[in-house]
Amino acid sequence: LSFRSEIDANVFPCFQELSGCRRLMQEISNKPGF
């Protein structure tokens, strides 16, 4: 909801879909340095 209509949705296409944001959040929370 924060990024879907912002320029960052062009830079990072995952922001254009809820499923992409969920995948991104999953990746971030699974990083060794989270």
Full PDB file with SEQRES, HELIX, SHEET, SSBOND, CRYST1, ORIGX, SCALE, CONECT and MASTER records, all heavy atoms in Angstrom:
SEQRES   1 A   34  LEU SER PHE ARG SER GLU ILE ASP ALA ASN VAL PHE PRO          
SEQRES   2 A   34  CYS PHE GLN GLU LEU SER GLY CYS ARG ARG LEU MET GLN          
SEQRES   3 A   34  GLU ILE SER ASN LYS PRO GLY PHE                              
HELIX    1 AA1 ASP A    8  VAL A   11  1                                   4    
HELIX    2 AA2 PRO A   13  GLN A   16  5                                   4    
HELIX    3 AA3 LEU A   18  ASN A   30  1                                  13    
CRYST1    1.000    1.000    1.000  90.00  90.00  90.00 P 1           1          
ORIGX1      1.000000  0.000000  0.000000        0.00000                         
ORIGX2      0.000000  1.000000  0.000000        0.00000                         
ORIGX3      0.000000  0.000000  1.000000        0.00000                         
SCALE1      1.000000  0.000000  0.000000        0.00000                         
SCALE2      0.000000  1.000000  0.000000        0.00000                         
SCALE3      0.000000  0.000000  1.000000        0.00000                         
ATOM      1  N   LEU A   1       0.825  -1.216   0.000  1.00  0.00           N  
ATOM      2  CA  LEU A   1       0.000   0.000   0.000  1.00  0.00           C  
ATOM      3  C   LEU A   1       0.859   1.265   0.000  1.00  0.00           C  
ATOM      4  O   LEU A   1       0.433   2.299  -0.499  1.00  0.00           O  
ATOM      5  CB  LEU A   1      -0.944  -0.001   1.204  1.00  0.00           C  
ATOM      6  CG  LEU A   1      -2.012  -1.102   1.196  1.00  0.00           C  
ATOM      7  CD1 LEU A   1      -2.782  -1.120   2.518  1.00  0.00           C  
ATOM      8  CD2 LEU A   1      -2.969  -0.934   0.012  1.00  0.00           C  
ATOM      9  N   SER A   2       2.070   1.188   0.554  1.00  0.00           N  
ATOM     10  CA  SER A   2       2.966   2.341   0.619  1.00  0.00           C  
ATOM     11  C   SER A   2       3.656   2.623  -0.710  1.00  0.00           C  
ATOM     12  O   SER A   2       3.892   3.781  -1.054  1.00  0.00           O  
ATOM     13  CB  SER A   2       4.052   2.112   1.677  1.00  0.00           C  
ATOM     14  OG  SER A   2       3.491   1.957   2.951  1.00  0.00           O  
ATOM     15  N   PHE A   3       4.020   1.583  -1.443  1.00  0.00           N  
ATOM     16  CA  PHE A   3       4.888   1.744  -2.605  1.00  0.00           C  
ATOM     17  C   PHE A   3       4.237   1.495  -3.960  1.00  0.00           C  
ATOM     18  O   PHE A   3       4.798   1.880  -4.974  1.00  0.00           O  
ATOM     19  CB  PHE A   3       6.105   0.817  -2.479  1.00  0.00           C  
ATOM     20  CG  PHE A   3       7.031   1.176  -1.358  1.00  0.00           C  
ATOM     21  CD1 PHE A   3       7.134   0.365  -0.247  1.00  0.00           C  
ATOM     22  CD2 PHE A   3       7.805   2.333  -1.417  1.00  0.00           C  
ATOM     23  CE1 PHE A   3       7.992   0.693   0.811  1.00  0.00           C  
ATOM     24  CE2 PHE A   3       8.665   2.665  -0.379  1.00  0.00           C  
ATOM     25  CZ  PHE A   3       8.760   1.853   0.731  1.00  0.00           C  
ATOM     26  N   ARG A   4       3.065   0.875  -4.011  1.00  0.00           N  
ATOM     27  CA  ARG A   4       2.482   0.456  -5.302  1.00  0.00           C  
ATOM     28  C   ARG A   4       2.282   1.604  -6.283  1.00  0.00           C  
ATOM     29  O   ARG A   4       2.382   1.416  -7.478  1.00  0.00           O  
ATOM     30  CB  ARG A   4       1.170  -0.292  -5.088  1.00  0.00           C  
ATOM     31  CG  ARG A   4       0.066   0.607  -4.551  1.00  0.00           C  
ATOM     32  CD  ARG A   4      -1.220  -0.115  -4.337  1.00  0.00           C  
ATOM     33  NE  ARG A   4      -2.179   0.787  -3.714  1.00  0.00           N  
ATOM     34  CZ  ARG A   4      -3.370   0.426  -3.344  1.00  0.00           C  
ATOM     35  NH1 ARG A   4      -3.766  -0.822  -3.526  1.00  0.00           N  
ATOM     36  NH2 ARG A   4      -4.191   1.287  -2.784  1.00  0.00           N  
ATOM     37  N   SER A   5       2.007   2.818  -5.780  1.00  0.00           N  
ATOM     38  CA  SER A   5       1.761   3.960  -6.670  1.00  0.00           C  
ATOM     39  C   SER A   5       2.932   4.930  -6.718  1.00  0.00           C  
ATOM     40  O   SER A   5       2.816   6.010  -7.267  1.00  0.00           O  
ATOM     41  CB  SER A   5       0.516   4.716  -6.198  1.00  0.00           C  
ATOM     42  OG  SER A   5      -0.588   3.848  -6.180  1.00  0.00           O  
ATOM     43  N   GLU A   6       4.047   4.554  -6.118  1.00  0.00           N  
ATOM     44  CA  GLU A   6       5.215   5.433  -6.038  1.00  0.00           C  
ATOM     45  C   GLU A   6       6.228   5.059  -7.120  1.00  0.00           C  
ATOM     46  O   GLU A   6       6.177   3.976  -7.685  1.00  0.00           O  
ATOM     47  CB  GLU A   6       5.867   5.324  -4.655  1.00  0.00           C  
ATOM     48  CG  GLU A   6       4.938   5.641  -3.496  1.00  0.00           C  
ATOM     49  CD  GLU A   6       4.439   7.080  -3.495  1.00  0.00           C  
ATOM     50  OE1 GLU A   6       5.188   7.981  -3.939  1.00  0.00           O  
ATOM     51  OE2 GLU A   6       3.306   7.303  -3.057  1.00  0.00           O  
ATOM     52  N   ILE A   7       7.185   5.952  -7.350  1.00  0.00           N  
ATOM     53  CA  ILE A   7       8.211   5.694  -8.361  1.00  0.00           C  
ATOM     54  C   ILE A   7       8.990   4.412  -8.048  1.00  0.00           C  
ATOM     55  O   ILE A   7       9.433   3.712  -8.950  1.00  0.00           O  
ATOM     56  CB  ILE A   7       9.162   6.899  -8.526  1.00  0.00           C  
ATOM     57  CG1 ILE A   7      10.026   6.693  -9.776  1.00  0.00           C  
ATOM     58  CG2 ILE A   7       9.985   7.126  -7.267  1.00  0.00           C  
ATOM     59  CD1 ILE A   7      10.682   7.952 -10.291  1.00  0.00           C  
ATOM     60  N   ASP A   8       9.120   4.076  -6.759  1.00  0.00           N  
ATOM     61  CA  ASP A   8       9.873   2.869  -6.405  1.00  0.00           C  
ATOM     62  C   ASP A   8       9.232   1.594  -6.954  1.00  0.00           C  
ATOM     63  O   ASP A   8       9.902   0.577  -7.092  1.00  0.00           O  
ATOM     64  CB  ASP A   8      10.058   2.769  -4.888  1.00  0.00           C  
ATOM     65  CG  ASP A   8      11.108   3.751  -4.379  1.00  0.00           C  
ATOM     66  OD1 ASP A   8      11.794   4.384  -5.218  1.00  0.00           O  
ATOM     67  OD2 ASP A   8      11.257   3.886  -3.158  1.00  0.00           O  
ATOM     68  N   ALA A   9       7.945   1.636  -7.286  1.00  0.00           N  
ATOM     69  CA  ALA A   9       7.309   0.463  -7.902  1.00  0.00           C  
ATOM     70  C   ALA A   9       7.844   0.241  -9.319  1.00  0.00           C  
ATOM     71  O   ALA A   9       7.787  -0.879  -9.832  1.00  0.00           O  
ATOM     72  CB  ALA A   9       5.792   0.617  -7.916  1.00  0.00           C  
ATOM     73  N   ASN A  10       8.381   1.295  -9.952  1.00  0.00           N  
ATOM     74  CA  ASN A  10       9.045   1.131 -11.250  1.00  0.00           C  
ATOM     75  C   ASN A  10      10.450   0.582 -11.062  1.00  0.00           C  
ATOM     76  O   ASN A  10      10.929  -0.217 -11.860  1.00  0.00           O  
ATOM     77  CB  ASN A  10       9.131   2.476 -11.989  1.00  0.00           C  
ATOM     78  CG  ASN A  10       7.782   2.941 -12.465  1.00  0.00           C  
ATOM     79  OD1 ASN A  10       6.985   2.150 -12.960  1.00  0.00           O  
ATOM     80  ND2 ASN A  10       7.515   4.219 -12.295  1.00  0.00           N  
ATOM     81  N   VAL A  11      11.113   1.026  -9.998  1.00  0.00           N  
ATOM     82  CA  VAL A  11      12.477   0.592  -9.733  1.00  0.00           C  
ATOM     83  C   VAL A  11      12.484  -0.862  -9.256  1.00  0.00           C  
ATOM     84  O   VAL A  11      13.344  -1.650  -9.628  1.00  0.00           O  
ATOM     85  CB  VAL A  11      13.142   1.510  -8.683  1.00  0.00           C  
ATOM     86  CG1 VAL A  11      14.597   1.109  -8.455  1.00  0.00           C  
ATOM     87  CG2 VAL A  11      13.068   2.977  -9.112  1.00  0.00           C  
ATOM     88  N   PHE A  12      11.510  -1.189  -8.409  1.00  0.00           N  
ATOM     89  CA  PHE A  12      11.397  -2.537  -7.837  1.00  0.00           C  
ATOM     90  C   PHE A  12       9.994  -3.071  -8.132  1.00  0.00           C  
ATOM     91  O   PHE A  12       9.060  -2.839  -7.369  1.00  0.00           O  
ATOM     92  CB  PHE A  12      11.638  -2.509  -6.322  1.00  0.00           C  
ATOM     93  CG  PHE A  12      12.973  -1.925  -5.952  1.00  0.00           C  
ATOM     94  CD1 PHE A  12      13.081  -0.622  -5.493  1.00  0.00           C  
ATOM     95  CD2 PHE A  12      14.135  -2.681  -6.085  1.00  0.00           C  
ATOM     96  CE1 PHE A  12      14.314  -0.074  -5.161  1.00  0.00           C  
ATOM     97  CE2 PHE A  12      15.372  -2.141  -5.766  1.00  0.00           C  
ATOM     98  CZ  PHE A  12      15.462  -0.836  -5.304  1.00  0.00           C  
ATOM     99  N   PRO A  13       9.839  -3.799  -9.253  1.00  0.00           N  
ATOM    100  CA  PRO A  13       8.504  -4.259  -9.668  1.00  0.00           C  
ATOM    101  C   PRO A  13       7.768  -5.110  -8.626  1.00  0.00           C  
ATOM    102  O   PRO A  13       6.549  -5.168  -8.658  1.00  0.00           O  
ATOM    103  CB  PRO A  13       8.795  -5.070 -10.936  1.00  0.00           C  
ATOM    104  CG  PRO A  13      10.084  -4.515 -11.453  1.00  0.00           C  
ATOM    105  CD  PRO A  13      10.869  -4.119 -10.239  1.00  0.00           C  
ATOM    106  N   CYS A  14       8.479  -5.712  -7.677  1.00  0.00           N  
ATOM    107  CA  CYS A  14       7.799  -6.518  -6.656  1.00  0.00           C  
ATOM    108  C   CYS A  14       6.802  -5.678  -5.853  1.00  0.00           C  
ATOM    109  O   CYS A  14       5.826  -6.199  -5.319  1.00  0.00           O  
ATOM    110  CB  CYS A  14       8.800  -7.195  -5.720  1.00  0.00           C  
ATOM    111  SG  CYS A  14       9.822  -6.046  -4.783  1.00  0.00           S  
ATOM    112  N   PHE A  15       7.022  -4.337  -5.788  1.00  0.00           N  
ATOM    113  CA  PHE A  15       6.113  -3.456  -5.042  1.00  0.00           C  
ATOM    114  C   PHE A  15       4.753  -3.311  -5.724  1.00  0.00           C  
ATOM    115  O   PHE A  15       3.816  -2.816  -5.131  1.00  0.00           O  
ATOM    116  CB  PHE A  15       6.714  -2.052  -4.879  1.00  0.00           C  
ATOM    117  CG  PHE A  15       7.853  -1.956  -3.904  1.00  0.00           C  
ATOM    118  CD1 PHE A  15       8.878  -1.054  -4.123  1.00  0.00           C  
ATOM    119  CD2 PHE A  15       7.903  -2.741  -2.762  1.00  0.00           C  
ATOM    120  CE1 PHE A  15       9.928  -0.930  -3.224  1.00  0.00           C  
ATOM    121  CE2 PHE A  15       8.949  -2.629  -1.865  1.00  0.00           C  
ATOM    122  CZ  PHE A  15       9.971  -1.725  -2.096  1.00  0.00           C  
ATOM    123  N   GLN A  16       4.647  -3.736  -6.988  1.00  0.00           N  
ATOM    124  CA  GLN A  16       3.399  -3.567  -7.737  1.00  0.00           C  
ATOM    125  C   GLN A  16       2.347  -4.600  -7.380  1.00  0.00           C  
ATOM    126  O   GLN A  16       1.195  -4.459  -7.774  1.00  0.00           O  
ATOM    127  CB  GLN A  16       3.681  -3.618  -9.239  1.00  0.00           C  
ATOM    128  CG  GLN A  16       4.560  -2.482  -9.711  1.00  0.00           C  
ATOM    129  CD  GLN A  16       5.010  -2.655 -11.155  1.00  0.00           C  
ATOM    130  OE1 GLN A  16       4.456  -3.449 -11.905  1.00  0.00           O  
ATOM    131  NE2 GLN A  16       6.025  -1.900 -11.549  1.00  0.00           N  
ATOM    132  N   GLU A  17       2.729  -5.645  -6.645  1.00  0.00           N  
ATOM    133  CA  GLU A  17       1.780  -6.711  -6.305  1.00  0.00           C  
ATOM    134  C   GLU A  17       1.959  -7.114  -4.852  1.00  0.00           C  
ATOM    135  O   GLU A  17       3.082  -7.180  -4.346  1.00  0.00           O  
ATOM    136  CB  GLU A  17       2.033  -7.949  -7.178  1.00  0.00           C  
ATOM    137  CG  GLU A  17       1.826  -7.708  -8.650  1.00  0.00           C  
ATOM    138  CD  GLU A  17       2.166  -8.937  -9.476  1.00  0.00           C  
ATOM    139  OE1 GLU A  17       2.510  -9.992  -8.907  1.00  0.00           O  
ATOM    140  OE2 GLU A  17       2.079  -8.828 -10.710  1.00  0.00           O  
ATOM    141  N   LEU A  18       0.848  -7.406  -4.207  1.00  0.00           N  
ATOM    142  CA  LEU A  18       0.890  -7.844  -2.819  1.00  0.00           C  
ATOM    143  C   LEU A  18       1.750  -9.106  -2.681  1.00  0.00           C  
ATOM    144  O   LEU A  18       2.548  -9.222  -1.757  1.00  0.00           O  
ATOM    145  CB  LEU A  18      -0.533  -8.097  -2.293  1.00  0.00           C  
ATOM    146  CG  LEU A  18      -0.646  -8.513  -0.838  1.00  0.00           C  
ATOM    147  CD1 LEU A  18       0.026  -7.512   0.105  1.00  0.00           C  
ATOM    148  CD2 LEU A  18      -2.116  -8.691  -0.454  1.00  0.00           C  
ATOM    149  N   SER A  19       1.625 -10.033  -3.638  1.00  0.00           N  
ATOM    150  CA  SER A  19       2.412 -11.271  -3.568  1.00  0.00           C  
ATOM    151  C   SER A  19       3.909 -10.970  -3.666  1.00  0.00           C  
ATOM    152  O   SER A  19       4.728 -11.626  -3.008  1.00  0.00           O  
ATOM    153  CB  SER A  19       1.995 -12.254  -4.664  1.00  0.00           C  
ATOM    154  OG  SER A  19       2.204 -11.680  -5.942  1.00  0.00           O  
ATOM    155  N   GLY A  20       4.283  -9.968  -4.472  1.00  0.00           N  
ATOM    156  CA  GLY A  20       5.686  -9.574  -4.581  1.00  0.00           C  
ATOM    157  C   GLY A  20       6.199  -8.987  -3.276  1.00  0.00           C  
ATOM    158  O   GLY A  20       7.332  -9.256  -2.862  1.00  0.00           O  
ATOM    159  N   CYS A  21       5.358  -8.208  -2.609  1.00  0.00           N  
ATOM    160  CA  CYS A  21       5.752  -7.621  -1.318  1.00  0.00           C  
ATOM    161  C   CYS A  21       5.873  -8.708  -0.248  1.00  0.00           C  
ATOM    162  O   CYS A  21       6.744  -8.643   0.615  1.00  0.00           O  
ATOM    163  CB  CYS A  21       4.743  -6.554  -0.899  1.00  0.00           C  
ATOM    164  SG  CYS A  21       4.836  -5.067  -1.930  1.00  0.00           S  
ATOM    165  N   ARG A  22       5.013  -9.717  -0.331  1.00  0.00           N  
ATOM    166  CA  ARG A  22       5.094 -10.815   0.632  1.00  0.00           C  
ATOM    167  C   ARG A  22       6.394 -11.604   0.419  1.00  0.00           C  
ATOM    168  O   ARG A  22       7.078 -11.950   1.375  1.00  0.00           O  
ATOM    169  CB  ARG A  22       3.882 -11.738   0.496  1.00  0.00           C  
ATOM    170  CG  ARG A  22       3.838 -12.758   1.618  1.00  0.00           C  
ATOM    171  CD  ARG A  22       2.564 -13.587   1.634  1.00  0.00           C  
ATOM    172  NE  ARG A  22       2.414 -14.234   2.912  1.00  0.00           N  
ATOM    173  CZ  ARG A  22       3.265 -15.120   3.416  1.00  0.00           C  
ATOM    174  NH1 ARG A  22       4.362 -15.458   2.763  1.00  0.00           N  
ATOM    175  NH2 ARG A  22       3.052 -15.678   4.593  1.00  0.00           N  
ATOM    176  N   ARG A  23       6.722 -11.871  -0.858  1.00  0.00           N  
ATOM    177  CA  ARG A  23       7.985 -12.575  -1.165  1.00  0.00           C  
ATOM    178  C   ARG A  23       9.174 -11.764  -0.657  1.00  0.00           C  
ATOM    179  O   ARG A  23      10.096 -12.313  -0.058  1.00  0.00           O  
ATOM    180  CB  ARG A  23       8.133 -12.794  -2.676  1.00  0.00           C  
ATOM    181  CG  ARG A  23       7.668 -14.137  -3.164  1.00  0.00           C  
ATOM    182  CD  ARG A  23       8.086 -14.423  -4.610  1.00  0.00           C  
ATOM    183  NE  ARG A  23       8.059 -13.286  -5.519  1.00  0.00           N  
ATOM    184  CZ  ARG A  23       6.969 -12.835  -6.144  1.00  0.00           C  
ATOM    185  NH1 ARG A  23       5.808 -13.434  -5.970  1.00  0.00           N  
ATOM    186  NH2 ARG A  23       7.036 -11.795  -6.965  1.00  0.00           N  
ATOM    187  N   LEU A  24       9.158 -10.449  -0.902  1.00  0.00           N  
ATOM    188  CA  LEU A  24      10.247  -9.581  -0.462  1.00  0.00           C  
ATOM    189  C   LEU A  24      10.360  -9.606   1.061  1.00  0.00           C  
ATOM    190  O   LEU A  24      11.463  -9.723   1.608  1.00  0.00           O  
ATOM    191  CB  LEU A  24      10.017  -8.150  -0.959  1.00  0.00           C  
ATOM    192  CG  LEU A  24      11.060  -7.117  -0.533  1.00  0.00           C  
ATOM    193  CD1 LEU A  24      12.453  -7.489  -1.028  1.00  0.00           C  
ATOM    194  CD2 LEU A  24      10.657  -5.730  -1.032  1.00  0.00           C  
ATOM    195  N   MET A  25       9.241  -9.518   1.760  1.00  0.00           N  
ATOM    196  CA  MET A  25       9.259  -9.526   3.226  1.00  0.00           C  
ATOM    197  C   MET A  25       9.784 -10.862   3.744  1.00  0.00           C  
ATOM    198  O   MET A  25      10.545 -10.907   4.711  1.00  0.00           O  
ATOM    199  CB  MET A  25       7.839  -9.242   3.745  1.00  0.00           C  
ATOM    200  CG  MET A  25       7.771  -8.802   5.170  1.00  0.00           C  
ATOM    201  SD  MET A  25       8.735  -7.321   5.522  1.00  0.00           S  
ATOM    202  CE  MET A  25       9.383  -7.804   7.114  1.00  0.00           C  
ATOM    203  N   GLN A  26       9.409 -11.946   3.075  1.00  0.00           N  
ATOM    204  CA  GLN A  26       9.899 -13.285   3.446  1.00  0.00           C  
ATOM    205  C   GLN A  26      11.421 -13.337   3.257  1.00  0.00           C  
ATOM    206  O   GLN A  26      12.139 -13.833   4.134  1.00  0.00           O  
ATOM    207  CB  GLN A  26       9.225 -14.331   2.552  1.00  0.00           C  
ATOM    208  CG  GLN A  26       9.395 -15.749   3.025  1.00  0.00           C  
ATOM    209  CD  GLN A  26       8.406 -16.088   4.129  1.00  0.00           C  
ATOM    210  OE1 GLN A  26       7.209 -15.932   3.972  1.00  0.00           O  
ATOM    211  NE2 GLN A  26       8.917 -16.536   5.251  1.00  0.00           N  
ATOM    212  N   GLU A  27      11.915 -12.819   2.120  1.00  0.00           N  
ATOM    213  CA  GLU A  27      13.364 -12.811   1.853  1.00  0.00           C  
ATOM    214  C   GLU A  27      14.111 -12.010   2.911  1.00  0.00           C  
ATOM    215  O   GLU A  27      15.139 -12.445   3.424  1.00  0.00           O  
ATOM    216  CB  GLU A  27      13.654 -12.206   0.478  1.00  0.00           C  
ATOM    217  CG  GLU A  27      13.325 -13.102  -0.685  1.00  0.00           C  
ATOM    218  CD  GLU A  27      13.428 -12.369  -2.026  1.00  0.00           C  
ATOM    219  OE1 GLU A  27      14.106 -11.316  -2.101  1.00  0.00           O  
ATOM    220  OE2 GLU A  27      12.812 -12.860  -2.999  1.00  0.00           O  
ATOM    221  N   ILE A  28      13.592 -10.815   3.232  1.00  0.00           N  
ATOM    222  CA  ILE A  28      14.251  -9.960   4.223  1.00  0.00           C  
ATOM    223  C   ILE A  28      14.314 -10.670   5.571  1.00  0.00           C  
ATOM    224  O   ILE A  28      15.364 -10.733   6.204  1.00  0.00           O  
ATOM    225  CB  ILE A  28      13.514  -8.597   4.355  1.00  0.00           C  
ATOM    226  CG1 ILE A  28      13.710  -7.766   3.080  1.00  0.00           C  
ATOM    227  CG2 ILE A  28      13.998  -7.834   5.595  1.00  0.00           C  
ATOM    228  CD1 ILE A  28      12.803  -6.537   2.993  1.00  0.00           C  
ATOM    229  N   SER A  29      13.187 -11.235   6.007  1.00  0.00           N  
ATOM    230  CA  SER A  29      13.145 -11.860   7.341  1.00  0.00           C  
ATOM    231  C   SER A  29      13.954 -13.149   7.409  1.00  0.00           C  
ATOM    232  O   SER A  29      14.284 -13.606   8.500  1.00  0.00           O  
ATOM    233  CB  SER A  29      11.701 -12.105   7.789  1.00  0.00           C  
ATOM    234  OG  SER A  29      11.069 -13.061   6.964  1.00  0.00           O  
ATOM    235  N   ASN A  30      14.289 -13.735   6.250  1.00  0.00           N  
ATOM    236  CA  ASN A  30      15.097 -14.963   6.233  1.00  0.00           C  
ATOM    237  C   ASN A  30      16.586 -14.696   6.037  1.00  0.00           C  
ATOM    238  O   ASN A  30      17.385 -15.630   6.060  1.00  0.00           O  
ATOM    239  CB  ASN A  30      14.612 -15.906   5.126  1.00  0.00           C  
ATOM    240  CG  ASN A  30      13.304 -16.569   5.485  1.00  0.00           C  
ATOM    241  OD1 ASN A  30      12.994 -16.756   6.663  1.00  0.00           O  
ATOM    242  ND2 ASN A  30      12.516 -16.912   4.489  1.00  0.00           N  
ATOM    243  N   LYS A  31      16.968 -13.437   5.815  1.00  0.00           N  
ATOM    244  CA  LYS A  31      18.395 -13.132   5.619  1.00  0.00           C  
ATOM    245  C   LYS A  31      19.155 -13.428   6.909  1.00  0.00           C  
ATOM    246  O   LYS A  31      18.645 -13.194   8.002  1.00  0.00           O  
ATOM    247  CB  LYS A  31      18.585 -11.660   5.233  1.00  0.00           C  
ATOM    248  CG  LYS A  31      18.185 -11.365   3.816  1.00  0.00           C  
ATOM    249  CD  LYS A  31      18.493  -9.942   3.433  1.00  0.00           C  
ATOM    250  CE  LYS A  31      17.978  -9.719   2.022  1.00  0.00           C  
ATOM    251  NZ  LYS A  31      18.729  -8.755   1.284  1.00  0.00           N  
ATOM    252  N   PRO A  32      20.408 -13.898   6.776  1.00  0.00           N  
ATOM    253  CA  PRO A  32      21.208 -14.194   7.974  1.00  0.00           C  
ATOM    254  C   PRO A  32      21.375 -12.971   8.883  1.00  0.00           C  
ATOM    255  O   PRO A  32      21.423 -13.103  10.096  1.00  0.00           O  
ATOM    256  CB  PRO A  32      22.557 -14.644   7.421  1.00  0.00           C  
ATOM    257  CG  PRO A  32      22.322 -14.968   5.984  1.00  0.00           C  
ATOM    258  CD  PRO A  32      21.109 -14.213   5.535  1.00  0.00           C  
ATOM    259  N   GLY A  33      21.432 -11.766   8.304  1.00  0.00           N  
ATOM    260  CA  GLY A  33      21.640 -10.564   9.104  1.00  0.00           C  
ATOM    261  C   GLY A  33      20.362  -9.853   9.529  1.00  0.00           C  
ATOM    262  O   GLY A  33      20.413  -8.725  10.035  1.00  0.00           O  
ATOM    263  N   PHE A  34      19.191 -10.488   9.339  1.00  0.00           N  
ATOM    264  CA  PHE A  34      17.931  -9.837   9.700  1.00  0.00           C  
ATOM    265  C   PHE A  34      17.949  -9.417  11.164  1.00  0.00           C  
ATOM    266  O   PHE A  34      18.332 -10.186  12.038  1.00  0.00           O  
ATOM    267  CB  PHE A  34      16.757 -10.783   9.441  1.00  0.00           C  
ATOM    268  CG  PHE A  34      15.423 -10.218   9.854  1.00  0.00           C  
ATOM    269  CD1 PHE A  34      14.874  -9.145   9.173  1.00  0.00           C  
ATOM    270  CD2 PHE A  34      14.724 -10.761  10.918  1.00  0.00           C  
ATOM    271  CE1 PHE A  34      13.640  -8.619   9.549  1.00  0.00           C  
ATOM    272  CE2 PHE A  34      13.493 -10.239  11.307  1.00  0.00           C  
ATOM    273  CZ  PHE A  34      12.956  -9.164  10.616  1.00  0.00           C  
TER     274      PHE A  34                                                      
MASTER        0    0    0    3    0    0    0    6  273    1    0    3          
END                                                                             
